[in-house]
Amino acid sequence: MANRTLVVIPAYNEATTIEEVVRGAIAYADVSVTDDASKDETASILKKLSKEFGKRLNVIRHEKNTHIPKGIQDGMKYAVEKKYDWVITMDAGLSHDANYLREFIEFPNCDLVIGSRTSTVNVPLYRKFISWLAAKVMNYCLSNGVFNLFGNRLRDCTSGYRRYSKPMFEKIANYPLESVAFDFHMEALSIVSKNNGSIQELPIKYVFSNSSFNRKVLKLAIQFAKKLLLRKWKLIPDYP
């Protein structure tokens, strides 16, 4: 029997793109969208699509905005409940090309496949720098020793286009997360590494779109990176 895959998409005010994203993804796998208390027409569009696609499209509606971590966690909980084998997370704003889903699904067995943004379009220089710096910090934090400055040499540690294995998404689904925004992708990577999960990268093209990434989100990401470093140096308790 072929592995069953669920594409999990957190969405907030994505009325202009959500239909195209869902139609693109559902051509390859079942889809679960978490509508994170959108204030635009996202909910009504998803309702229409649900009638069209039936059980192949699951819609979770948040009454309060919780941002990315809870949106993805709820999608993963649905995957656990329905006994899916893989979870692929992707963006609701057309930054992630659905045509890569086939490559994610057919990628050899491992616990985490990261869509590494080797080719980018319209990405501001500051975003490229943040991604580069985050990769340096994460590679160091994931390394075996305090003095190992290079670690796993992962190219992209903050991409949200990923495939998680069943053991990993089951663990993340009910994990007491500390992240509250885009830092989720760093925390999820840390959880996979902590549980000795195998990690690979799949080169993708990334198209920058309007993003909710702002100074507040950047501050939260920096705070989370500091926690990772403190754990690395044994100055605060490690993950359970």
C-alpha atoms as a PDB file:
ATOM      1  CA  MET A   1       0.000   0.000   0.000  1.00  0.00           C
ATOM      2  CA  ALA A   2       1.308   3.454  -0.912  1.00  0.00           C
ATOM      3  CA  ASN A   3       2.097   5.894   1.863  1.00  0.00           C
ATOM      4  CA  ARG A   4      -0.743   8.292   2.626  1.00  0.00           C
ATOM      5  CA  THR A   5       0.283  11.937   2.607  1.00  0.00           C
ATOM      6  CA  LEU A   6      -1.467  14.964   4.102  1.00  0.00           C
ATOM      7  CA  VAL A   7      -0.531  18.495   3.080  1.00  0.00           C
ATOM      8  CA  VAL A   8      -0.956  20.860   6.041  1.00  0.00           C
ATOM      9  CA  ILE A   9      -1.457  24.542   5.226  1.00  0.00           C
ATOM     10  CA  PRO A  10      -1.780  27.256   7.916  1.00  0.00           C
ATOM     11  CA  ALA A  11      -3.651  30.258   6.513  1.00  0.00           C
ATOM     12  CA  TYR A  12      -4.422  33.767   7.725  1.00  0.00           C
ATOM     13  CA  ASN A  13      -6.148  36.292   5.453  1.00  0.00           C
ATOM     14  CA  GLU A  14      -5.177  34.427   2.287  1.00  0.00           C
ATOM     15  CA  ALA A  15      -8.363  34.996   0.266  1.00  0.00           C
ATOM     16  CA  THR A  16      -6.431  36.031  -2.837  1.00  0.00           C
ATOM     17  CA  THR A  17      -4.327  32.855  -2.969  1.00  0.00           C
ATOM     18  CA  ILE A  18      -5.894  30.056  -0.908  1.00  0.00           C
ATOM     19  CA  GLU A  19      -8.001  28.556  -3.699  1.00  0.00           C
ATOM     20  CA  GLU A  20      -5.057  28.292  -6.081  1.00  0.00           C
ATOM     21  CA  VAL A  21      -2.890  26.806  -3.334  1.00  0.00           C
ATOM     22  CA  VAL A  22      -5.497  24.205  -2.334  1.00  0.00           C
ATOM     23  CA  ARG A  23      -6.194  23.198  -5.931  1.00  0.00           C
ATOM     24  CA  GLY A  24      -2.487  22.860  -6.603  1.00  0.00           C
ATOM     25  CA  ALA A  25      -1.853  20.739  -3.511  1.00  0.00           C
ATOM     26  CA  ILE A  26      -4.906  18.510  -3.742  1.00  0.00           C
ATOM     27  CA  ALA A  27      -3.757  17.322  -7.152  1.00  0.00           C
ATOM     28  CA  TYR A  28      -1.053  15.381  -5.289  1.00  0.00           C
ATOM     29  CA  ALA A  29      -2.428  14.572  -1.827  1.00  0.00           C
ATOM     30  CA  ASP A  30      -5.171  15.174   0.715  1.00  0.00           C
ATOM     31  CA  VAL A  31      -5.125  18.640   2.266  1.00  0.00           C
ATOM     32  CA  SER A  32      -5.827  20.117   5.703  1.00  0.00           C
ATOM     33  CA  VAL A  33      -6.067  23.907   5.977  1.00  0.00           C
ATOM     34  CA  THR A  34      -6.043  25.668   9.328  1.00  0.00           C
ATOM     35  CA  ASP A  35      -7.888  28.968   8.941  1.00  0.00           C
ATOM     36  CA  ASP A  36      -6.269  30.950  11.738  1.00  0.00           C
ATOM     37  CA  ALA A  37      -9.170  33.347  12.418  1.00  0.00           C
ATOM     38  CA  SER A  38      -8.945  35.064   9.040  1.00  0.00           C
ATOM     39  CA  LYS A  39     -10.866  38.318   8.735  1.00  0.00           C
ATOM     40  CA  ASP A  40     -11.203  38.279   4.951  1.00  0.00           C
ATOM     41  CA  GLU A  41     -13.025  35.815   2.671  1.00  0.00           C
ATOM     42  CA  THR A  42     -10.697  32.898   3.368  1.00  0.00           C
ATOM     43  CA  ALA A  43     -13.349  31.010   5.364  1.00  0.00           C
ATOM     44  CA  SER A  44     -16.047  31.304   2.701  1.00  0.00           C
ATOM     45  CA  ILE A  45     -13.643  30.190  -0.036  1.00  0.00           C
ATOM     46  CA  LEU A  46     -12.626  27.155   2.013  1.00  0.00           C
ATOM     47  CA  LYS A  47     -16.283  26.325   2.639  1.00  0.00           C
ATOM     48  CA  LYS A  48     -16.912  26.316  -1.100  1.00  0.00           C
ATOM     49  CA  LEU A  49     -13.858  24.152  -1.741  1.00  0.00           C
ATOM     50  CA  SER A  50     -14.908  21.716   1.000  1.00  0.00           C
ATOM     51  CA  LYS A  51     -18.176  21.082  -0.809  1.00  0.00           C
ATOM     52  CA  GLU A  52     -16.259  20.387  -4.006  1.00  0.00           C
ATOM     53  CA  PHE A  53     -13.543  18.126  -2.612  1.00  0.00           C
ATOM     54  CA  GLY A  54     -15.376  16.462   0.273  1.00  0.00           C
ATOM     55  CA  LYS A  55     -13.239  14.322   2.584  1.00  0.00           C
ATOM     56  CA  ARG A  56     -10.060  15.128   0.648  1.00  0.00           C
ATOM     57  CA  LEU A  57     -10.081  18.642   2.122  1.00  0.00           C
ATOM     58  CA  ASN A  58     -10.180  19.111   5.881  1.00  0.00           C
ATOM     59  CA  VAL A  59     -10.732  22.631   7.224  1.00  0.00           C
ATOM     60  CA  ILE A  60      -9.914  23.631  10.801  1.00  0.00           C
ATOM     61  CA  ARG A  61     -11.222  27.006  11.918  1.00  0.00           C
ATOM     62  CA  HIS A  62      -9.592  28.948  14.759  1.00  0.00           C
ATOM     63  CA  GLU A  63     -11.756  31.556  16.443  1.00  0.00           C
ATOM     64  CA  LYS A  64      -8.626  33.314  17.702  1.00  0.00           C
ATOM     65  CA  ASN A  65      -5.415  33.953  15.781  1.00  0.00           C
ATOM     66  CA  THR A  66      -2.693  31.619  17.083  1.00  0.00           C
ATOM     67  CA  HIS A  67      -0.120  31.934  14.266  1.00  0.00           C
ATOM     68  CA  ILE A  68       1.900  29.189  12.608  1.00  0.00           C
ATOM     69  CA  PRO A  69       2.746  26.729  15.447  1.00  0.00           C
ATOM     70  CA  LYS A  70      -0.811  25.968  16.530  1.00  0.00           C
ATOM     71  CA  GLY A  71      -2.035  25.952  12.938  1.00  0.00           C
ATOM     72  CA  ILE A  72       0.481  23.297  11.946  1.00  0.00           C
ATOM     73  CA  GLN A  73       0.057  21.339  15.178  1.00  0.00           C
ATOM     74  CA  ASP A  74      -3.699  21.065  14.644  1.00  0.00           C
ATOM     75  CA  GLY A  75      -3.109  19.816  11.105  1.00  0.00           C
ATOM     76  CA  MET A  76      -0.654  17.247  12.443  1.00  0.00           C
ATOM     77  CA  LYS A  77      -3.170  16.122  15.069  1.00  0.00           C
ATOM     78  CA  TYR A  78      -5.649  15.516  12.269  1.00  0.00           C
ATOM     79  CA  ALA A  79      -2.978  13.488  10.449  1.00  0.00           C
ATOM     80  CA  VAL A  80      -2.458  11.380  13.577  1.00  0.00           C
ATOM     81  CA  GLU A  81      -6.206  10.852  13.968  1.00  0.00           C
ATOM     82  CA  LYS A  82      -6.638   9.781  10.340  1.00  0.00           C
ATOM     83  CA  LYS A  83      -3.473   7.656  10.324  1.00  0.00           C
ATOM     84  CA  TYR A  84      -1.515   9.404   7.584  1.00  0.00           C
ATOM     85  CA  ASP A  85       2.079   8.332   6.947  1.00  0.00           C
ATOM     86  CA  TRP A  86       3.585  11.690   5.911  1.00  0.00           C
ATOM     87  CA  VAL A  87       2.806  15.334   6.592  1.00  0.00           C
ATOM     88  CA  ILE A  88       3.978  18.016   4.195  1.00  0.00           C
ATOM     89  CA  THR A  89       3.715  21.624   5.377  1.00  0.00           C
ATOM     90  CA  MET A  90       3.497  24.471   2.898  1.00  0.00           C
ATOM     91  CA  ASP A  91       2.679  28.170   2.669  1.00  0.00           C
ATOM     92  CA  ALA A  92      -0.772  29.533   1.791  1.00  0.00           C
ATOM     93  CA  GLY A  93       0.546  32.526  -0.134  1.00  0.00           C
ATOM     94  CA  LEU A  94       2.001  30.895  -3.281  1.00  0.00           C
ATOM     95  CA  SER A  95       5.594  31.105  -2.035  1.00  0.00           C
ATOM     96  CA  HIS A  96       5.810  27.317  -2.314  1.00  0.00           C
ATOM     97  CA  ASP A  97       5.233  25.744  -5.719  1.00  0.00           C
ATOM     98  CA  ALA A  98       2.822  22.809  -5.433  1.00  0.00           C
ATOM     99  CA  ASN A  99       4.605  21.073  -8.312  1.00  0.00           C
ATOM    100  CA  TYR A 100       7.358  20.120  -5.848  1.00  0.00           C
ATOM    101  CA  LEU A 101       4.887  17.983  -3.895  1.00  0.00           C
ATOM    102  CA  ARG A 102       5.521  14.997  -6.150  1.00  0.00           C
ATOM    103  CA  GLU A 103       9.241  15.218  -5.369  1.00  0.00           C
ATOM    104  CA  PHE A 104       8.529  15.479  -1.638  1.00  0.00           C
ATOM    105  CA  ILE A 105       6.215  12.463  -1.772  1.00  0.00           C
ATOM    106  CA  GLU A 106       8.679  10.370  -3.801  1.00  0.00           C
ATOM    107  CA  PHE A 107      11.743  11.426  -1.770  1.00  0.00           C
ATOM    108  CA  PRO A 108      13.531   8.465  -0.126  1.00  0.00           C
ATOM    109  CA  ASN A 109      12.506   7.514   3.379  1.00  0.00           C
ATOM    110  CA  CYS A 110      13.784   9.853   6.115  1.00  0.00           C
ATOM    111  CA  ASP A 111      12.289  11.720   9.071  1.00  0.00           C
ATOM    112  CA  LEU A 112      12.471  15.268   7.749  1.00  0.00           C
ATOM    113  CA  VAL A 113      12.859  16.604   4.228  1.00  0.00           C
ATOM    114  CA  ILE A 114      13.483  20.363   4.121  1.00  0.00           C
ATOM    115  CA  GLY A 115      12.674  22.276   0.958  1.00  0.00           C
ATOM    116  CA  SER A 116      15.978  24.113   0.686  1.00  0.00           C
ATOM    117  CA  ARG A 117      15.554  27.474  -1.037  1.00  0.00           C
ATOM    118  CA  THR A 118      18.495  27.228  -3.420  1.00  0.00           C
ATOM    119  CA  SER A 119      16.742  29.457  -5.963  1.00  0.00           C
ATOM    120  CA  THR A 120      14.818  32.550  -4.864  1.00  0.00           C
ATOM    121  CA  VAL A 121      12.711  35.234  -6.526  1.00  0.00           C
ATOM    122  CA  ASN A 122      12.116  38.745  -5.116  1.00  0.00           C
ATOM    123  CA  VAL A 123      13.527  37.873  -1.695  1.00  0.00           C
ATOM    124  CA  PRO A 124      14.776  41.015   0.118  1.00  0.00           C
ATOM    125  CA  LEU A 125      18.427  41.027   1.108  1.00  0.00           C
ATOM    126  CA  TYR A 126      17.576  41.232   4.825  1.00  0.00           C
ATOM    127  CA  ARG A 127      15.493  38.040   4.547  1.00  0.00           C
ATOM    128  CA  LYS A 128      18.357  36.236   2.851  1.00  0.00           C
ATOM    129  CA  PHE A 129      20.702  37.360   5.624  1.00  0.00           C
ATOM    130  CA  ILE A 130      18.293  36.215   8.353  1.00  0.00           C
ATOM    131  CA  SER A 131      17.933  32.791   6.725  1.00  0.00           C
ATOM    132  CA  TRP A 132      21.715  32.493   6.346  1.00  0.00           C
ATOM    133  CA  LEU A 133      22.326  33.451   9.975  1.00  0.00           C
ATOM    134  CA  ALA A 134      19.590  31.117  11.234  1.00  0.00           C
ATOM    135  CA  ALA A 135      21.191  28.250   9.314  1.00  0.00           C
ATOM    136  CA  LYS A 136      24.560  28.975  10.934  1.00  0.00           C
ATOM    137  CA  VAL A 137      23.029  29.034  14.424  1.00  0.00           C
ATOM    138  CA  MET A 138      20.937  25.912  13.854  1.00  0.00           C
ATOM    139  CA  ASN A 139      23.803  23.906  12.367  1.00  0.00           C
ATOM    140  CA  TYR A 140      25.918  24.731  15.397  1.00  0.00           C
ATOM    141  CA  CYS A 141      23.113  23.922  17.841  1.00  0.00           C
ATOM    142  CA  LEU A 142      22.457  20.585  16.127  1.00  0.00           C
ATOM    143  CA  SER A 143      26.129  19.569  16.171  1.00  0.00           C
ATOM    144  CA  ASN A 144      27.448  16.975  18.615  1.00  0.00           C
ATOM    145  CA  GLY A 145      29.995  19.079  20.459  1.00  0.00           C
ATOM    146  CA  VAL A 146      30.257  22.551  21.936  1.00  0.00           C
ATOM    147  CA  PHE A 147      33.289  23.276  19.774  1.00  0.00           C
ATOM    148  CA  ASN A 148      31.870  21.838  16.560  1.00  0.00           C
ATOM    149  CA  LEU A 149      31.148  25.076  14.704  1.00  0.00           C
ATOM    150  CA  PHE A 150      29.851  23.528  11.498  1.00  0.00           C
ATOM    151  CA  GLY A 151      27.415  20.824  12.578  1.00  0.00           C
ATOM    152  CA  ASN A 152      25.195  19.188   9.969  1.00  0.00           C
ATOM    153  CA  ARG A 153      25.873  21.789   7.269  1.00  0.00           C
ATOM    154  CA  LEU A 154      22.192  22.141   6.427  1.00  0.00           C
ATOM    155  CA  ARG A 155      21.697  24.883   3.879  1.00  0.00           C
ATOM    156  CA  ASP A 156      18.194  26.035   4.898  1.00  0.00           C
ATOM    157  CA  CYS A 157      16.899  25.607   8.447  1.00  0.00           C
ATOM    158  CA  THR A 158      13.894  27.957   8.342  1.00  0.00           C
ATOM    159  CA  SER A 159      12.052  26.850   5.207  1.00  0.00           C
ATOM    160  CA  GLY A 160       8.439  25.940   5.950  1.00  0.00           C
ATOM    161  CA  TYR A 161       8.110  23.636   2.933  1.00  0.00           C
ATOM    162  CA  ARG A 162       8.839  20.260   4.532  1.00  0.00           C
ATOM    163  CA  ARG A 163       7.920  16.610   4.772  1.00  0.00           C
ATOM    164  CA  TYR A 164       7.707  14.977   8.209  1.00  0.00           C
ATOM    165  CA  SER A 165       7.664  11.238   8.883  1.00  0.00           C
ATOM    166  CA  LYS A 166       4.907   9.685  10.973  1.00  0.00           C
ATOM    167  CA  PRO A 167       7.059   9.276  14.121  1.00  0.00           C
ATOM    168  CA  MET A 168       8.124  12.924  13.926  1.00  0.00           C
ATOM    169  CA  PHE A 169       4.759  14.561  13.229  1.00  0.00           C
ATOM    170  CA  GLU A 170       3.177  12.396  15.927  1.00  0.00           C
ATOM    171  CA  LYS A 171       5.715  13.761  18.398  1.00  0.00           C
ATOM    172  CA  ILE A 172       5.405  17.392  17.260  1.00  0.00           C
ATOM    173  CA  ALA A 173       1.584  17.236  17.185  1.00  0.00           C
ATOM    174  CA  ASN A 174       1.314  17.153  20.977  1.00  0.00           C
ATOM    175  CA  TYR A 175       4.627  18.745  21.907  1.00  0.00           C
ATOM    176  CA  PRO A 176       4.564  21.661  24.406  1.00  0.00           C
ATOM    177  CA  LEU A 177       5.987  24.138  21.908  1.00  0.00           C
ATOM    178  CA  GLU A 178       7.837  27.272  22.966  1.00  0.00           C
ATOM    179  CA  SER A 179       7.770  28.915  19.530  1.00  0.00           C
ATOM    180  CA  VAL A 180       4.986  31.350  18.691  1.00  0.00           C
ATOM    181  CA  ALA A 181       5.611  32.341  15.056  1.00  0.00           C
ATOM    182  CA  PHE A 182       8.080  31.514  12.274  1.00  0.00           C
ATOM    183  CA  ASP A 183      10.482  30.215  14.920  1.00  0.00           C
ATOM    184  CA  PHE A 184       8.321  27.067  14.834  1.00  0.00           C
ATOM    185  CA  HIS A 185      10.398  25.787  11.923  1.00  0.00           C
ATOM    186  CA  MET A 186      13.558  26.073  14.019  1.00  0.00           C
ATOM    187  CA  GLU A 187      11.919  24.352  16.978  1.00  0.00           C
ATOM    188  CA  ALA A 188      10.500  21.535  14.849  1.00  0.00           C
ATOM    189  CA  LEU A 189      13.956  20.926  13.383  1.00  0.00           C
ATOM    190  CA  SER A 190      15.394  20.825  16.908  1.00  0.00           C
ATOM    191  CA  ILE A 191      12.775  18.269  17.989  1.00  0.00           C
ATOM    192  CA  VAL A 192      13.544  16.018  15.022  1.00  0.00           C
ATOM    193  CA  SER A 193      17.280  16.243  15.713  1.00  0.00           C
ATOM    194  CA  LYS A 194      16.823  15.650  19.447  1.00  0.00           C
ATOM    195  CA  ASN A 195      14.930  12.455  18.639  1.00  0.00           C
ATOM    196  CA  ASN A 196      17.710  11.245  16.328  1.00  0.00           C
ATOM    197  CA  GLY A 197      15.639  11.782  13.213  1.00  0.00           C
ATOM    198  CA  SER A 198      17.287  11.646   9.806  1.00  0.00           C
ATOM    199  CA  ILE A 199      17.278  14.979   7.934  1.00  0.00           C
ATOM    200  CA  GLN A 200      17.710  15.625   4.212  1.00  0.00           C
ATOM    201  CA  GLU A 201      17.196  18.607   1.903  1.00  0.00           C
ATOM    202  CA  LEU A 202      15.349  18.953  -1.399  1.00  0.00           C
ATOM    203  CA  PRO A 203      16.316  21.956  -3.559  1.00  0.00           C
ATOM    204  CA  ILE A 204      13.326  24.182  -4.361  1.00  0.00           C
ATOM    205  CA  LYS A 205      12.603  27.550  -5.929  1.00  0.00           C
ATOM    206  CA  TYR A 206      11.104  30.056  -3.489  1.00  0.00           C
ATOM    207  CA  VAL A 207       9.040  33.058  -4.577  1.00  0.00           C
ATOM    208  CA  PHE A 208       8.796  35.829  -1.976  1.00  0.00           C
ATOM    209  CA  SER A 209       5.287  37.189  -1.406  1.00  0.00           C
ATOM    210  CA  ASN A 210       3.721  39.569   1.093  1.00  0.00           C
ATOM    211  CA  SER A 211       4.812  38.244   4.443  1.00  0.00           C
ATOM    212  CA  SER A 212       3.684  38.640   8.036  1.00  0.00           C
ATOM    213  CA  PHE A 213       7.347  38.499   9.022  1.00  0.00           C
ATOM    214  CA  ASN A 214       8.021  41.739  10.928  1.00  0.00           C
ATOM    215  CA  ARG A 215      10.192  43.158  13.700  1.00  0.00           C
ATOM    216  CA  LYS A 216       8.146  41.457  16.399  1.00  0.00           C
ATOM    217  CA  VAL A 217       8.473  38.094  14.679  1.00  0.00           C
ATOM    218  CA  LEU A 218      12.213  38.678  14.177  1.00  0.00           C
ATOM    219  CA  LYS A 219      12.598  39.473  17.872  1.00  0.00           C
ATOM    220  CA  LEU A 220      10.820  36.246  18.809  1.00  0.00           C
ATOM    221  CA  ALA A 221      13.054  34.262  16.454  1.00  0.00           C
ATOM    222  CA  ILE A 222      16.174  35.791  18.016  1.00  0.00           C
ATOM    223  CA  GLN A 223      14.886  34.954  21.494  1.00  0.00           C
ATOM    224  CA  PHE A 224      14.282  31.360  20.460  1.00  0.00           C
ATOM    225  CA  ALA A 225      17.752  31.115  18.904  1.00  0.00           C
ATOM    226  CA  LYS A 226      19.199  32.311  22.219  1.00  0.00           C
ATOM    227  CA  LYS A 227      17.342  29.493  23.995  1.00  0.00           C
ATOM    228  CA  LEU A 228      18.832  26.971  21.602  1.00  0.00           C
ATOM    229  CA  LEU A 229      22.326  28.290  22.278  1.00  0.00           C
ATOM    230  CA  LEU A 230      21.779  28.226  26.042  1.00  0.00           C
ATOM    231  CA  ARG A 231      20.623  24.605  25.787  1.00  0.00           C
ATOM    232  CA  LYS A 232      23.669  23.809  23.694  1.00  0.00           C
ATOM    233  CA  TRP A 233      25.893  25.233  26.408  1.00  0.00           C
ATOM    234  CA  LYS A 234      23.918  23.385  29.145  1.00  0.00           C
ATOM    235  CA  LEU A 235      22.887  26.654  30.786  1.00  0.00           C
ATOM    236  CA  ILE A 236      19.169  25.800  30.708  1.00  0.00           C
ATOM    237  CA  PRO A 237      17.388  22.392  30.710  1.00  0.00           C
ATOM    238  CA  ASP A 238      17.334  20.489  27.434  1.00  0.00           C
ATOM    239  CA  TYR A 239      14.186  19.405  25.598  1.00  0.00           C
ATOM    240  CA  PRO A 240      12.309  16.581  27.341  1.00  0.00           C
END
